[in-house]
Amino acid sequence: MACGIAELLMGLRDPACRLQVLSLWKCGLTGACCEDLCTVLSTSQSLEHLDLSENELGVGGMQKLCVVLGRPTCSLKRLWLKESGLNEETLQKLATLRKAKPSLNIGYI
């Protein structure tokens, strides 16, 4: 995996993992990491708070994340993002997602 966090994300996929808060602030994550992040968000039953701020996830990566965040199987309750790296379309998708899933709080840095 290009973003260098493959082992961490593999561990988070383990059903025995009980990690609830994960800060990946300013870790150099890119859109290439989003596929694995989506897998974690789809399978983790314990992860509730995720900080992805100060990363360049790109439009494609954010679109993938928006799809997974909207699924009922995603247990995430708090997500932090870098607002300046988001285009208008992505901000609209996130606003729609917040209305559709009020249990998810999205914060911008």
PDB file of N, CA and C in Angstrom:
ATOM      1  N   MET A   1       0.841  -1.183   0.000  1.00  0.00           N
ATOM      2  CA  MET A   1       0.000   0.000   0.000  1.00  0.00           C
ATOM      3  C   MET A   1       0.884   1.242   0.000  1.00  0.00           C
ATOM      4  N   ALA A   2       0.601   2.135  -0.866  1.00  0.00           N
ATOM      5  CA  ALA A   2       1.437   3.313  -1.070  1.00  0.00           C
ATOM      6  C   ALA A   2       1.484   4.225   0.146  1.00  0.00           C
ATOM      7  N   CYS A   3       0.442   4.278   0.930  1.00  0.00           N
ATOM      8  CA  CYS A   3       0.417   5.248   2.023  1.00  0.00           C
ATOM      9  C   CYS A   3       1.134   4.752   3.279  1.00  0.00           C
ATOM     10  N   GLY A   4       1.606   3.499   3.307  1.00  0.00           N
ATOM     11  CA  GLY A   4       2.431   3.030   4.395  1.00  0.00           C
ATOM     12  C   GLY A   4       1.717   2.679   5.688  1.00  0.00           C
ATOM     13  N   ILE A   5       0.417   2.502   5.658  1.00  0.00           N
ATOM     14  CA  ILE A   5      -0.287   2.143   6.885  1.00  0.00           C
ATOM     15  C   ILE A   5      -1.014   0.806   6.734  1.00  0.00           C
ATOM     16  N   ALA A   6      -0.544  -0.012   5.801  1.00  0.00           N
ATOM     17  CA  ALA A   6      -1.204  -1.286   5.507  1.00  0.00           C
ATOM     18  C   ALA A   6      -1.339  -2.173   6.748  1.00  0.00           C
ATOM     19  N   GLU A   7      -0.280  -2.257   7.539  1.00  0.00           N
ATOM     20  CA  GLU A   7      -0.316  -3.123   8.722  1.00  0.00           C
ATOM     21  C   GLU A   7      -1.334  -2.626   9.745  1.00  0.00           C
ATOM     22  N   LEU A   8      -1.370  -1.326   9.934  1.00  0.00           N
ATOM     23  CA  LEU A   8      -2.345  -0.747  10.867  1.00  0.00           C
ATOM     24  C   LEU A   8      -3.767  -1.048  10.420  1.00  0.00           C
ATOM     25  N   LEU A   9      -4.043  -0.810   9.166  1.00  0.00           N
ATOM     26  CA  LEU A   9      -5.394  -1.042   8.655  1.00  0.00           C
ATOM     27  C   LEU A   9      -5.743  -2.524   8.671  1.00  0.00           C
ATOM     28  N   MET A  10      -4.760  -3.397   8.433  1.00  0.00           N
ATOM     29  CA  MET A  10      -5.021  -4.828   8.509  1.00  0.00           C
ATOM     30  C   MET A  10      -5.420  -5.214   9.936  1.00  0.00           C
ATOM     31  N   GLY A  11      -4.738  -4.647  10.909  1.00  0.00           N
ATOM     32  CA  GLY A  11      -5.068  -4.917  12.305  1.00  0.00           C
ATOM     33  C   GLY A  11      -6.459  -4.423  12.671  1.00  0.00           C
ATOM     34  N   LEU A  12      -6.856  -3.292  12.126  1.00  0.00           N
ATOM     35  CA  LEU A  12      -8.180  -2.740  12.409  1.00  0.00           C
ATOM     36  C   LEU A  12      -9.299  -3.605  11.828  1.00  0.00           C
ATOM     37  N   ARG A  13      -8.990  -4.378  10.801  1.00  0.00           N
ATOM     38  CA  ARG A  13      -9.996  -5.265  10.202  1.00  0.00           C
ATOM     39  C   ARG A  13     -10.248  -6.510  11.054  1.00  0.00           C
ATOM     40  N   ASP A  14      -9.340  -6.790  11.971  1.00  0.00           N
ATOM     41  CA  ASP A  14      -9.487  -7.965  12.824  1.00  0.00           C
ATOM     42  C   ASP A  14     -10.699  -7.788  13.731  1.00  0.00           C
ATOM     43  N   PRO A  15     -11.616  -8.754  13.753  1.00  0.00           N
ATOM     44  CA  PRO A  15     -12.814  -8.636  14.599  1.00  0.00           C
ATOM     45  C   PRO A  15     -12.498  -8.468  16.093  1.00  0.00           C
ATOM     46  N   ALA A  16     -11.317  -8.877  16.521  1.00  0.00           N
ATOM     47  CA  ALA A  16     -10.942  -8.750  17.930  1.00  0.00           C
ATOM     48  C   ALA A  16     -10.454  -7.338  18.273  1.00  0.00           C
ATOM     49  N   CYS A  17     -10.207  -6.517  17.265  1.00  0.00           N
ATOM     50  CA  CYS A  17      -9.734  -5.147  17.500  1.00  0.00           C
ATOM     51  C   CYS A  17     -10.852  -4.312  18.115  1.00  0.00           C
ATOM     52  N   ARG A  18     -10.548  -3.621  19.193  1.00  0.00           N
ATOM     53  CA  ARG A  18     -11.530  -2.796  19.896  1.00  0.00           C
ATOM     54  C   ARG A  18     -11.162  -1.321  19.904  1.00  0.00           C
ATOM     55  N   LEU A  19     -10.272  -0.916  19.009  1.00  0.00           N
ATOM     56  CA  LEU A  19      -9.855   0.478  18.931  1.00  0.00           C
ATOM     57  C   LEU A  19     -11.045   1.363  18.603  1.00  0.00           C
ATOM     58  N   GLN A  20     -11.234   2.430  19.372  1.00  0.00           N
ATOM     59  CA  GLN A  20     -12.368   3.320  19.178  1.00  0.00           C
ATOM     60  C   GLN A  20     -11.978   4.667  18.574  1.00  0.00           C
ATOM     61  N   VAL A  21     -10.770   5.132  18.835  1.00  0.00           N
ATOM     62  CA  VAL A  21     -10.329   6.438  18.368  1.00  0.00           C
ATOM     63  C   VAL A  21      -9.011   6.268  17.609  1.00  0.00           C
ATOM     64  N   LEU A  22      -8.972   6.824  16.398  1.00  0.00           N
ATOM     65  CA  LEU A  22      -7.757   6.742  15.590  1.00  0.00           C
ATOM     66  C   LEU A  22      -7.477   8.102  14.969  1.00  0.00           C
ATOM     67  N   SER A  23      -6.298   8.642  15.246  1.00  0.00           N
ATOM     68  CA  SER A  23      -5.893   9.914  14.655  1.00  0.00           C
ATOM     69  C   SER A  23      -4.818   9.649  13.609  1.00  0.00           C
ATOM     70  N   LEU A  24      -5.168   9.928  12.361  1.00  0.00           N
ATOM     71  CA  LEU A  24      -4.215   9.834  11.255  1.00  0.00           C
ATOM     72  C   LEU A  24      -3.946  11.237  10.711  1.00  0.00           C
ATOM     73  N   TRP A  25      -3.978  12.207  11.603  1.00  0.00           N
ATOM     74  CA  TRP A  25      -3.756  13.614  11.275  1.00  0.00           C
ATOM     75  C   TRP A  25      -2.378  13.782  10.671  1.00  0.00           C
ATOM     76  N   LYS A  26      -2.332  14.418   9.525  1.00  0.00           N
ATOM     77  CA  LYS A  26      -1.080  14.791   8.862  1.00  0.00           C
ATOM     78  C   LYS A  26      -0.140  13.601   8.686  1.00  0.00           C
ATOM     79  N   CYS A  27      -0.697  12.492   8.175  1.00  0.00           N
ATOM     80  CA  CYS A  27       0.094  11.280   7.963  1.00  0.00           C
ATOM     81  C   CYS A  27       0.493  11.078   6.507  1.00  0.00           C
ATOM     82  N   GLY A  28       0.197  12.033   5.656  1.00  0.00           N
ATOM     83  CA  GLY A  28       0.553  11.898   4.249  1.00  0.00           C
ATOM     84  C   GLY A  28      -0.346  10.943   3.486  1.00  0.00           C
ATOM     85  N   LEU A  29      -1.566  10.746   3.982  1.00  0.00           N
ATOM     86  CA  LEU A  29      -2.499   9.852   3.298  1.00  0.00           C
ATOM     87  C   LEU A  29      -2.971  10.483   1.994  1.00  0.00           C
ATOM     88  N   THR A  30      -3.185   9.644   1.008  1.00  0.00           N
ATOM     89  CA  THR A  30      -3.661  10.102  -0.302  1.00  0.00           C
ATOM     90  C   THR A  30      -4.898   9.291  -0.683  1.00  0.00           C
ATOM     91  N   GLY A  31      -5.436   9.575  -1.842  1.00  0.00           N
ATOM     92  CA  GLY A  31      -6.581   8.833  -2.343  1.00  0.00           C
ATOM     93  C   GLY A  31      -6.310   7.351  -2.461  1.00  0.00           C
ATOM     94  N   ALA A  32      -5.036   6.976  -2.663  1.00  0.00           N
ATOM     95  CA  ALA A  32      -4.669   5.560  -2.772  1.00  0.00           C
ATOM     96  C   ALA A  32      -4.960   4.795  -1.479  1.00  0.00           C
ATOM     97  N   CYS A  33      -5.015   5.483  -0.362  1.00  0.00           N
ATOM     98  CA  CYS A  33      -5.282   4.847   0.930  1.00  0.00           C
ATOM     99  C   CYS A  33      -6.772   4.619   1.176  1.00  0.00           C
ATOM    100  N   CYS A  34      -7.612   5.304   0.423  1.00  0.00           N
ATOM    101  CA  CYS A  34      -9.046   5.307   0.722  1.00  0.00           C
ATOM    102  C   CYS A  34      -9.715   3.948   0.547  1.00  0.00           C
ATOM    103  N   GLU A  35      -9.240   3.138  -0.378  1.00  0.00           N
ATOM    104  CA  GLU A  35      -9.825   1.815  -0.558  1.00  0.00           C
ATOM    105  C   GLU A  35      -9.689   0.991   0.723  1.00  0.00           C
ATOM    106  N   ASP A  36      -8.489   0.995   1.308  1.00  0.00           N
ATOM    107  CA  ASP A  36      -8.282   0.265   2.557  1.00  0.00           C
ATOM    108  C   ASP A  36      -9.016   0.918   3.722  1.00  0.00           C
ATOM    109  N   LEU A  37      -9.063   2.239   3.746  1.00  0.00           N
ATOM    110  CA  LEU A  37      -9.836   2.929   4.786  1.00  0.00           C
ATOM    111  C   LEU A  37     -11.310   2.553   4.692  1.00  0.00           C
ATOM    112  N   CYS A  38     -11.818   2.439   3.477  1.00  0.00           N
ATOM    113  CA  CYS A  38     -13.220   2.068   3.275  1.00  0.00           C
ATOM    114  C   CYS A  38     -13.494   0.662   3.793  1.00  0.00           C
ATOM    115  N   THR A  39     -12.556  -0.241   3.573  1.00  0.00           N
ATOM    116  CA  THR A  39     -12.706  -1.607   4.074  1.00  0.00           C
ATOM    117  C   THR A  39     -12.777  -1.605   5.597  1.00  0.00           C
ATOM    118  N   VAL A  40     -11.908  -0.822   6.222  1.00  0.00           N
ATOM    119  CA  VAL A  40     -11.916  -0.729   7.686  1.00  0.00           C
ATOM    120  C   VAL A  40     -13.241  -0.152   8.171  1.00  0.00           C
ATOM    121  N   LEU A  41     -13.693   0.920   7.548  1.00  0.00           N
ATOM    122  CA  LEU A  41     -14.946   1.555   7.976  1.00  0.00           C
ATOM    123  C   LEU A  41     -16.148   0.647   7.751  1.00  0.00           C
ATOM    124  N   SER A  42     -16.064  -0.232   6.788  1.00  0.00           N
ATOM    125  CA  SER A  42     -17.165  -1.165   6.512  1.00  0.00           C
ATOM    126  C   SER A  42     -17.195  -2.325   7.485  1.00  0.00           C
ATOM    127  N   THR A  43     -16.043  -2.681   8.032  1.00  0.00           N
ATOM    128  CA  THR A  43     -15.977  -3.895   8.855  1.00  0.00           C
ATOM    129  C   THR A  43     -15.798  -3.640  10.349  1.00  0.00           C
ATOM    130  N   SER A  44     -15.199  -2.525  10.723  1.00  0.00           N
ATOM    131  CA  SER A  44     -14.937  -2.277  12.144  1.00  0.00           C
ATOM    132  C   SER A  44     -16.223  -1.949  12.884  1.00  0.00           C
ATOM    133  N   GLN A  45     -16.452  -2.672  13.960  1.00  0.00           N
ATOM    134  CA  GLN A  45     -17.612  -2.404  14.805  1.00  0.00           C
ATOM    135  C   GLN A  45     -17.263  -1.525  15.997  1.00  0.00           C
ATOM    136  N   SER A  46     -15.964  -1.246  16.186  1.00  0.00           N
ATOM    137  CA  SER A  46     -15.555  -0.470  17.357  1.00  0.00           C
ATOM    138  C   SER A  46     -15.083   0.948  17.024  1.00  0.00           C
ATOM    139  N   LEU A  47     -14.549   1.180  15.835  1.00  0.00           N
ATOM    140  CA  LEU A  47     -14.000   2.496  15.499  1.00  0.00           C
ATOM    141  C   LEU A  47     -15.116   3.536  15.421  1.00  0.00           C
ATOM    142  N   GLU A  48     -15.033   4.535  16.293  1.00  0.00           N
ATOM    143  CA  GLU A  48     -16.067   5.563  16.376  1.00  0.00           C
ATOM    144  C   GLU A  48     -15.563   6.955  16.022  1.00  0.00           C
ATOM    145  N   HIS A  49     -14.281   7.221  16.189  1.00  0.00           N
ATOM    146  CA  HIS A  49     -13.714   8.541  15.952  1.00  0.00           C
ATOM    147  C   HIS A  49     -12.478   8.399  15.061  1.00  0.00           C
ATOM    148  N   LEU A  50     -12.471   9.134  13.947  1.00  0.00           N
ATOM    149  CA  LEU A  50     -11.370   9.054  12.993  1.00  0.00           C
ATOM    150  C   LEU A  50     -10.971  10.452  12.540  1.00  0.00           C
ATOM    151  N   ASP A  51      -9.708  10.775  12.710  1.00  0.00           N
ATOM    152  CA  ASP A  51      -9.184  12.065  12.281  1.00  0.00           C
ATOM    153  C   ASP A  51      -8.341  11.864  11.022  1.00  0.00           C
ATOM    154  N   LEU A  52      -8.845  12.360   9.909  1.00  0.00           N
ATOM    155  CA  LEU A  52      -8.131  12.301   8.631  1.00  0.00           C
ATOM    156  C   LEU A  52      -7.706  13.683   8.175  1.00  0.00           C
ATOM    157  N   SER A  53      -7.751  14.660   9.069  1.00  0.00           N
ATOM    158  CA  SER A  53      -7.417  16.033   8.684  1.00  0.00           C
ATOM    159  C   SER A  53      -5.946  16.157   8.316  1.00  0.00           C
ATOM    160  N   GLU A  54      -5.666  17.177   7.524  1.00  0.00           N
ATOM    161  CA  GLU A  54      -4.318  17.470   7.036  1.00  0.00           C
ATOM    162  C   GLU A  54      -3.750  16.346   6.172  1.00  0.00           C
ATOM    163  N   ASN A  55      -4.618  15.666   5.430  1.00  0.00           N
ATOM    164  CA  ASN A  55      -4.231  14.679   4.442  1.00  0.00           C
ATOM    165  C   ASN A  55      -4.845  15.081   3.113  1.00  0.00           C
ATOM    166  N   GLU A  56      -4.248  14.653   2.028  1.00  0.00           N
ATOM    167  CA  GLU A  56      -4.730  14.975   0.688  1.00  0.00           C
ATOM    168  C   GLU A  56      -5.403  13.735   0.097  1.00  0.00           C
ATOM    169  N   LEU A  57      -6.655  13.503   0.458  1.00  0.00           N
ATOM    170  CA  LEU A  57      -7.368  12.301   0.035  1.00  0.00           C
ATOM    171  C   LEU A  57      -7.907  12.401  -1.382  1.00  0.00           C
ATOM    172  N   GLY A  58      -8.001  13.597  -1.913  1.00  0.00           N
ATOM    173  CA  GLY A  58      -8.459  13.781  -3.280  1.00  0.00           C
ATOM    174  C   GLY A  58      -9.957  13.566  -3.450  1.00  0.00           C
ATOM    175  N   VAL A  59     -10.442  13.987  -4.598  1.00  0.00           N
ATOM    176  CA  VAL A  59     -11.875  13.889  -4.894  1.00  0.00           C
ATOM    177  C   VAL A  59     -12.315  12.431  -4.963  1.00  0.00           C
ATOM    178  N   GLY A  60     -11.562  11.608  -5.685  1.00  0.00           N
ATOM    179  CA  GLY A  60     -11.921  10.197  -5.824  1.00  0.00           C
ATOM    180  C   GLY A  60     -11.924   9.467  -4.494  1.00  0.00           C
ATOM    181  N   GLY A  61     -10.926   9.729  -3.676  1.00  0.00           N
ATOM    182  CA  GLY A  61     -10.854   9.096  -2.364  1.00  0.00           C
ATOM    183  C   GLY A  61     -12.008   9.506  -1.476  1.00  0.00           C
ATOM    184  N   MET A  62     -12.349  10.788  -1.509  1.00  0.00           N
ATOM    185  CA  MET A  62     -13.461  11.274  -0.691  1.00  0.00           C
ATOM    186  C   MET A  62     -14.795  10.714  -1.174  1.00  0.00           C
ATOM    187  N   GLN A  63     -14.954  10.535  -2.476  1.00  0.00           N
ATOM    188  CA  GLN A  63     -16.191   9.948  -2.990  1.00  0.00           C
ATOM    189  C   GLN A  63     -16.357   8.528  -2.472  1.00  0.00           C
ATOM    190  N   LYS A  64     -15.271   7.763  -2.464  1.00  0.00           N
ATOM    191  CA  LYS A  64     -15.316   6.395  -1.927  1.00  0.00           C
ATOM    192  C   LYS A  64     -15.697   6.416  -0.449  1.00  0.00           C
ATOM    193  N   LEU A  65     -15.073   7.319   0.301  1.00  0.00           N
ATOM    194  CA  LEU A  65     -15.372   7.411   1.730  1.00  0.00           C
ATOM    195  C   LEU A  65     -16.828   7.789   1.977  1.00  0.00           C
ATOM    196  N   CYS A  66     -17.367   8.706   1.190  1.00  0.00           N
ATOM    197  CA  CYS A  66     -18.765   9.126   1.364  1.00  0.00           C
ATOM    198  C   CYS A  66     -19.724   7.956   1.190  1.00  0.00           C
ATOM    199  N   VAL A  67     -19.451   7.100   0.230  1.00  0.00           N
ATOM    200  CA  VAL A  67     -20.311   5.936  -0.001  1.00  0.00           C
ATOM    201  C   VAL A  67     -20.320   5.039   1.232  1.00  0.00           C
ATOM    202  N   VAL A  68     -19.137   4.736   1.751  1.00  0.00           N
ATOM    203  CA  VAL A  68     -19.033   3.843   2.912  1.00  0.00           C
ATOM    204  C   VAL A  68     -19.608   4.487   4.164  1.00  0.00           C
ATOM    205  N   LEU A  69     -19.360   5.772   4.356  1.00  0.00           N
ATOM    206  CA  LEU A  69     -19.873   6.459   5.542  1.00  0.00           C
ATOM    207  C   LEU A  69     -21.396   6.445   5.600  1.00  0.00           C
ATOM    208  N   GLY A  70     -22.045   6.396   4.460  1.00  0.00           N
ATOM    209  CA  GLY A  70     -23.503   6.381   4.417  1.00  0.00           C
ATOM    210  C   GLY A  70     -24.129   5.026   4.683  1.00  0.00           C
ATOM    211  N   ARG A  71     -23.323   3.994   4.698  1.00  0.00           N
ATOM    212  CA  ARG A  71     -23.862   2.646   4.915  1.00  0.00           C
ATOM    213  C   ARG A  71     -24.228   2.421   6.384  1.00  0.00           C
ATOM    214  N   PRO A  72     -25.301   1.672   6.623  1.00  0.00           N
ATOM    215  CA  PRO A  72     -25.690   1.378   8.013  1.00  0.00           C
ATOM    216  C   PRO A  72     -24.631   0.584   8.779  1.00  0.00           C
ATOM    217  N   THR A  73     -23.784  -0.150   8.073  1.00  0.00           N
ATOM    218  CA  THR A  73     -22.751  -0.956   8.738  1.00  0.00           C
ATOM    219  C   THR A  73     -21.583  -0.128   9.252  1.00  0.00           C
ATOM    220  N   CYS A  74     -21.486   1.126   8.827  1.00  0.00           N
ATOM    221  CA  CYS A  74     -20.399   1.992   9.280  1.00  0.00           C
ATOM    222  C   CYS A  74     -20.769   2.563  10.648  1.00  0.00           C
ATOM    223  N   SER A  75     -19.967   2.231  11.657  1.00  0.00           N
ATOM    224  CA  SER A  75     -20.270   2.649  13.032  1.00  0.00           C
ATOM    225  C   SER A  75     -19.588   3.956  13.427  1.00  0.00           C
ATOM    226  N   LEU A  76     -18.903   4.594  12.491  1.00  0.00           N
ATOM    227  CA  LEU A  76     -18.195   5.843  12.796  1.00  0.00           C
ATOM    228  C   LEU A  76     -19.173   6.923  13.259  1.00  0.00           C
ATOM    229  N   LYS A  77     -18.781   7.634  14.329  1.00  0.00           N
ATOM    230  CA  LYS A  77     -19.623   8.693  14.879  1.00  0.00           C
ATOM    231  C   LYS A  77     -19.000  10.079  14.709  1.00  0.00           C
ATOM    232  N   ARG A  78     -17.680  10.136  14.529  1.00  0.00           N
ATOM    233  CA  ARG A  78     -17.007  11.431  14.427  1.00  0.00           C
ATOM    234  C   ARG A  78     -15.882  11.317  13.415  1.00  0.00           C
ATOM    235  N   LEU A  79     -15.864  12.238  12.448  1.00  0.00           N
ATOM    236  CA  LEU A  79     -14.844  12.271  11.412  1.00  0.00           C
ATOM    237  C   LEU A  79     -14.324  13.695  11.273  1.00  0.00           C
ATOM    238  N   TRP A  80     -13.012  13.857  11.271  1.00  0.00           N
ATOM    239  CA  TRP A  80     -12.389  15.152  11.061  1.00  0.00           C
ATOM    240  C   TRP A  80     -11.714  15.137   9.702  1.00  0.00           C
ATOM    241  N   LEU A  81     -11.894  16.221   8.943  1.00  0.00           N
ATOM    242  CA  LEU A  81     -11.321  16.350   7.611  1.00  0.00           C
ATOM    243  C   LEU A  81     -10.691  17.720   7.423  1.00  0.00           C
ATOM    244  N   LYS A  82      -9.854  17.836   6.416  1.00  0.00           N
ATOM    245  CA  LYS A  82      -9.257  19.113   6.026  1.00  0.00           C
ATOM    246  C   LYS A  82     -10.183  19.761   5.005  1.00  0.00           C
ATOM    247  N   GLU A  83     -10.894  20.792   5.411  1.00  0.00           N
ATOM    248  CA  GLU A  83     -11.892  21.415   4.542  1.00  0.00           C
ATOM    249  C   GLU A  83     -11.278  22.026   3.286  1.00  0.00           C
ATOM    250  N   SER A  84     -10.108  22.593   3.395  1.00  0.00           N
ATOM    251  CA  SER A  84      -9.515  23.263   2.240  1.00  0.00           C
ATOM    252  C   SER A  84      -9.164  22.291   1.114  1.00  0.00           C
ATOM    253  N   GLY A  85      -9.095  21.014   1.410  1.00  0.00           N
ATOM    254  CA  GLY A  85      -8.785  20.024   0.384  1.00  0.00           C
ATOM    255  C   GLY A  85     -10.015  19.430  -0.275  1.00  0.00           C
ATOM    256  N   LEU A  86     -11.202  19.960   0.049  1.00  0.00           N
ATOM    257  CA  LEU A  86     -12.443  19.403  -0.470  1.00  0.00           C
ATOM    258  C   LEU A  86     -13.067  20.345  -1.493  1.00  0.00           C
ATOM    259  N   ASN A  87     -13.518  19.778  -2.607  1.00  0.00           N
ATOM    260  CA  ASN A  87     -14.189  20.621  -3.597  1.00  0.00           C
ATOM    261  C   ASN A  87     -15.667  20.775  -3.231  1.00  0.00           C
ATOM    262  N   GLU A  88     -16.363  21.634  -3.966  1.00  0.00           N
ATOM    263  CA  GLU A  88     -17.765  21.951  -3.657  1.00  0.00           C
ATOM    264  C   GLU A  88     -18.661  20.717  -3.740  1.00  0.00           C
ATOM    265  N   GLU A  89     -18.430  19.863  -4.721  1.00  0.00           N
ATOM    266  CA  GLU A  89     -19.237  18.642  -4.875  1.00  0.00           C
ATOM    267  C   GLU A  89     -19.086  17.726  -3.660  1.00  0.00           C
ATOM    268  N   THR A  90     -17.858  17.576  -3.191  1.00  0.00           N
ATOM    269  CA  THR A  90     -17.611  16.726  -2.026  1.00  0.00           C
ATOM    270  C   THR A  90     -18.237  17.323  -0.773  1.00  0.00           C
ATOM    271  N   LEU A  91     -18.128  18.633  -0.609  1.00  0.00           N
ATOM    272  CA  LEU A  91     -18.754  19.291   0.546  1.00  0.00           C
ATOM    273  C   LEU A  91     -20.269  19.091   0.527  1.00  0.00           C
ATOM    274  N   GLN A  92     -20.870  19.140  -0.664  1.00  0.00           N
ATOM    275  CA  GLN A  92     -22.316  18.896  -0.792  1.00  0.00           C
ATOM    276  C   GLN A  92     -22.658  17.462  -0.409  1.00  0.00           C
ATOM    277  N   LYS A  93     -21.847  16.505  -0.864  1.00  0.00           N
ATOM    278  CA  LYS A  93     -22.089  15.094  -0.517  1.00  0.00           C
ATOM    279  C   LYS A  93     -21.995  14.888   0.986  1.00  0.00           C
ATOM    280  N   LEU A  94     -21.034  15.534   1.602  1.00  0.00           N
ATOM    281  CA  LEU A  94     -20.876  15.406   3.055  1.00  0.00           C
ATOM    282  C   LEU A  94     -22.048  16.046   3.789  1.00  0.00           C
ATOM    283  N   ALA A  95     -22.537  17.167   3.292  1.00  0.00           N
ATOM    284  CA  ALA A  95     -23.698  17.822   3.906  1.00  0.00           C
ATOM    285  C   ALA A  95     -24.931  16.926   3.787  1.00  0.00           C
ATOM    286  N   THR A  96     -25.117  16.321   2.641  1.00  0.00           N
ATOM    287  CA  THR A  96     -26.233  15.393   2.431  1.00  0.00           C
ATOM    288  C   THR A  96     -26.095  14.185   3.351  1.00  0.00           C
ATOM    289  N   LEU A  97     -24.879  13.697   3.476  1.00  0.00           N
ATOM    290  CA  LEU A  97     -24.613  12.555   4.342  1.00  0.00           C
ATOM    291  C   LEU A  97     -24.941  12.877   5.797  1.00  0.00           C
ATOM    292  N   ARG A  98     -24.588  14.074   6.240  1.00  0.00           N
ATOM    293  CA  ARG A  98     -24.889  14.481   7.624  1.00  0.00           C
ATOM    294  C   ARG A  98     -26.385  14.513   7.883  1.00  0.00           C
ATOM    295  N   LYS A  99     -27.157  14.943   6.902  1.00  0.00           N
ATOM    296  CA  LYS A  99     -28.617  14.972   7.063  1.00  0.00           C
ATOM    297  C   LYS A  99     -29.191  13.558   7.075  1.00  0.00           C
ATOM    298  N   ALA A 100     -28.674  12.701   6.218  1.00  0.00           N
ATOM    299  CA  ALA A 100     -29.178  11.336   6.109  1.00  0.00           C
ATOM    300  C   ALA A 100     -28.746  10.468   7.288  1.00  0.00           C
ATOM    301  N   LYS A 101     -27.605  10.793   7.882  1.00  0.00           N
ATOM    302  CA  LYS A 101     -27.074   9.989   8.982  1.00  0.00           C
ATOM    303  C   LYS A 101     -26.681  10.917  10.130  1.00  0.00           C
ATOM    304  N   PRO A 102     -27.658  11.376  10.908  1.00  0.00           N
ATOM    305  CA  PRO A 102     -27.378  12.356  11.970  1.00  0.00           C
ATOM    306  C   PRO A 102     -26.460  11.836  13.072  1.00  0.00           C
ATOM    307  N   SER A 103     -26.254  10.527  13.163  1.00  0.00           N
ATOM    308  CA  SER A 103     -25.348   9.985  14.174  1.00  0.00           C
ATOM    309  C   SER A 103     -23.885  10.245  13.825  1.00  0.00           C
ATOM    310  N   LEU A 104     -23.622  10.662  12.577  1.00  0.00           N
ATOM    311  CA  LEU A 104     -22.264  10.947  12.139  1.00  0.00           C
ATOM    312  C   LEU A 104     -21.990  12.450  12.206  1.00  0.00           C
ATOM    313  N   ASN A 105     -21.000  12.817  12.986  1.00  0.00           N
ATOM    314  CA  ASN A 105     -20.613  14.212  13.137  1.00  0.00           C
ATOM    315  C   ASN A 105     -19.328  14.425  12.333  1.00  0.00           C
ATOM    316  N   ILE A 106     -19.372  15.310  11.364  1.00  0.00           N
ATOM    317  CA  ILE A 106     -18.215  15.602  10.537  1.00  0.00           C
ATOM    318  C   ILE A 106     -17.685  16.985  10.879  1.00  0.00           C
ATOM    319  N   GLY A 107     -16.435  17.038  11.272  1.00  0.00           N
ATOM    320  CA  GLY A 107     -15.799  18.304  11.618  1.00  0.00           C
ATOM    321  C   GLY A 107     -14.720  18.644  10.626  1.00  0.00           C
ATOM    322  N   TYR A 108     -14.497  19.925  10.449  1.00  0.00           N
ATOM    323  CA  TYR A 108     -13.488  20.401   9.503  1.00  0.00           C
ATOM    324  C   TYR A 108     -12.415  21.199  10.214  1.00  0.00           C
ATOM    325  N   ILE A 109     -11.213  20.993   9.772  1.00  0.00           N
ATOM    326  CA  ILE A 109     -10.075  21.729  10.320  1.00  0.00           C
ATOM    327  C   ILE A 109      -9.513  22.584   9.214  1.00  0.00           C
TER     328      ILE A 109
END
